[in-house]
Amino acid sequence: MNYVVDKEGFMPGLPVAPHFKEYRGAKPHLQRRAAEEFRTAQRIADYVNAQIANDPDEVQQIIFGFVAIELGVTVEQVQRALPGGSNGWTFRVDEYDRKGLERYKRDT
């Protein structure tokens, strides 16, 4: 995840990008597992970016457990995809971030 420094310390950069283990070996079952982990991590990142993009608040909190429930994955999968604090993330969203998140905005 990208981090930016603001006057209160480090905060995750937006839009968030997924973290996942890469596997470049020849074993097909490990290739499949790595591909599935990548797809799950990308789905989690897209969901979090959409949640942030569609919330007008400047400071937002996203909780691991809520993301896991919404996507039908485990909390551990969410934590691996987007490392953060003990329960989730806090984001400060400015106008620059909003521009980066436009592609995740839902039409209302």
Protein backbone atom coordinates (compact mmCIF):
# COMPACT_ATOMS: atom_id res chain seq x y z
CA MET A 1 0.00 0.00 0.00
CA ASN A 2 1.23 3.50 -0.71
CA TYR A 3 1.61 5.78 2.29
CA VAL A 4 1.64 9.55 2.37
CA VAL A 5 2.84 11.73 5.20
CA ASP A 6 0.52 14.38 6.55
CA LYS A 7 0.88 16.56 9.63
CA GLU A 8 -0.49 13.78 11.86
CA GLY A 9 1.72 10.96 10.55
CA PHE A 10 1.47 8.26 7.90
CA MET A 11 -1.80 7.53 6.16
CA PRO A 12 -2.57 5.10 3.34
CA GLY A 13 -2.38 6.60 -0.14
CA LEU A 14 -5.39 6.54 -2.46
CA PRO A 15 -6.54 4.73 -4.44
CA VAL A 16 -5.42 1.69 -2.48
CA ALA A 17 -3.57 -1.08 -4.31
CA PRO A 18 -3.74 -4.75 -3.32
CA HIS A 19 -0.87 -6.71 -1.81
CA PHE A 20 -0.45 -10.34 -2.76
CA LYS A 21 2.24 -12.98 -2.96
CA GLU A 22 3.61 -13.64 -6.40
CA TYR A 23 4.47 -17.14 -7.47
CA ARG A 24 6.68 -17.59 -10.53
CA GLY A 25 7.37 -21.29 -10.17
CA ALA A 26 6.24 -24.17 -12.35
CA LYS A 27 3.85 -25.95 -9.96
CA PRO A 28 0.31 -25.60 -11.36
CA HIS A 29 -1.48 -25.84 -8.00
CA LEU A 30 0.65 -23.01 -6.60
CA GLN A 31 0.07 -20.96 -9.76
CA ARG A 32 -3.70 -21.40 -9.30
CA ARG A 33 -3.50 -20.48 -5.62
CA ALA A 34 -1.49 -17.33 -6.38
CA ALA A 35 -3.91 -16.33 -9.16
CA GLU A 36 -6.89 -16.79 -6.83
CA GLU A 37 -5.19 -14.76 -4.10
CA PHE A 38 -4.53 -11.99 -6.61
CA ARG A 39 -8.17 -11.94 -7.76
CA THR A 40 -9.40 -11.81 -4.16
CA ALA A 41 -6.94 -9.04 -3.24
CA GLN A 42 -7.98 -7.01 -6.28
CA ARG A 43 -11.68 -7.45 -5.45
CA ILE A 44 -11.03 -6.25 -1.89
CA ALA A 45 -9.07 -3.20 -3.10
CA ASP A 46 -11.79 -2.32 -5.64
CA TYR A 47 -14.47 -2.61 -2.94
CA VAL A 48 -12.54 -0.39 -0.50
CA ASN A 49 -11.84 2.20 -3.21
CA ALA A 50 -15.54 2.26 -4.16
CA GLN A 51 -16.58 2.69 -0.52
CA ILE A 52 -14.21 5.63 -0.13
CA ALA A 53 -15.13 7.18 -3.49
CA ASN A 54 -18.83 7.15 -2.65
CA ASP A 55 -18.52 8.56 0.88
CA PRO A 56 -18.29 12.38 0.95
CA ASP A 57 -16.60 12.53 4.38
CA GLU A 58 -13.03 13.79 4.56
CA VAL A 59 -11.99 11.25 7.22
CA GLN A 60 -13.20 7.69 6.72
CA GLN A 61 -12.76 4.45 8.59
CA ILE A 62 -13.00 1.07 6.89
CA ILE A 63 -13.21 -1.97 9.20
CA PHE A 64 -11.68 -5.32 8.16
CA GLY A 65 -14.63 -7.33 9.48
CA PHE A 66 -17.25 -5.33 7.58
CA VAL A 67 -15.33 -5.71 4.31
CA ALA A 68 -14.98 -9.46 4.92
CA ILE A 69 -18.72 -9.87 5.53
CA GLU A 70 -19.69 -7.83 2.46
CA LEU A 71 -17.38 -9.79 0.16
CA GLY A 72 -17.76 -13.24 1.70
CA VAL A 73 -14.07 -13.60 2.50
CA THR A 74 -12.17 -14.01 5.76
CA VAL A 75 -10.79 -11.15 7.83
CA GLU A 76 -7.34 -12.64 7.28
CA GLN A 77 -7.77 -12.36 3.50
CA VAL A 78 -8.71 -8.69 3.88
CA GLN A 79 -5.70 -8.05 6.13
CA ARG A 80 -3.34 -9.75 3.67
CA ALA A 81 -4.76 -7.85 0.71
CA LEU A 82 -4.53 -4.41 2.32
CA PRO A 83 -2.34 -4.35 5.42
CA GLY A 84 -3.40 -1.81 7.99
CA GLY A 85 -4.00 -1.37 11.69
CA SER A 86 -5.42 -3.94 14.05
CA ASN A 87 -9.06 -3.52 12.94
CA GLY A 88 -8.97 -1.58 9.70
CA TRP A 89 -7.89 1.64 8.05
CA THR A 90 -8.42 5.34 8.49
CA PHE A 91 -8.23 7.53 5.40
CA ARG A 92 -8.12 11.30 4.99
CA VAL A 93 -9.56 12.00 1.56
CA ASP A 94 -8.73 15.31 -0.14
CA GLU A 95 -9.63 16.66 -3.58
CA TYR A 96 -6.51 15.11 -5.14
CA ASP A 97 -7.56 11.70 -3.78
CA ARG A 98 -11.11 12.21 -5.08
CA LYS A 99 -9.76 12.65 -8.60
CA GLY A 100 -7.83 9.38 -8.31
CA LEU A 101 -10.97 7.61 -7.07
CA GLU A 102 -13.36 8.90 -9.78
CA ARG A 103 -13.37 5.60 -11.68
CA TYR A 104 -14.76 3.87 -8.57
CA LYS A 105 -17.64 6.33 -8.11
CA ARG A 106 -21.13 4.89 -8.55
CA ASP A 107 -23.80 6.81 -10.41
CA THR A 108 -26.58 7.86 -8.06
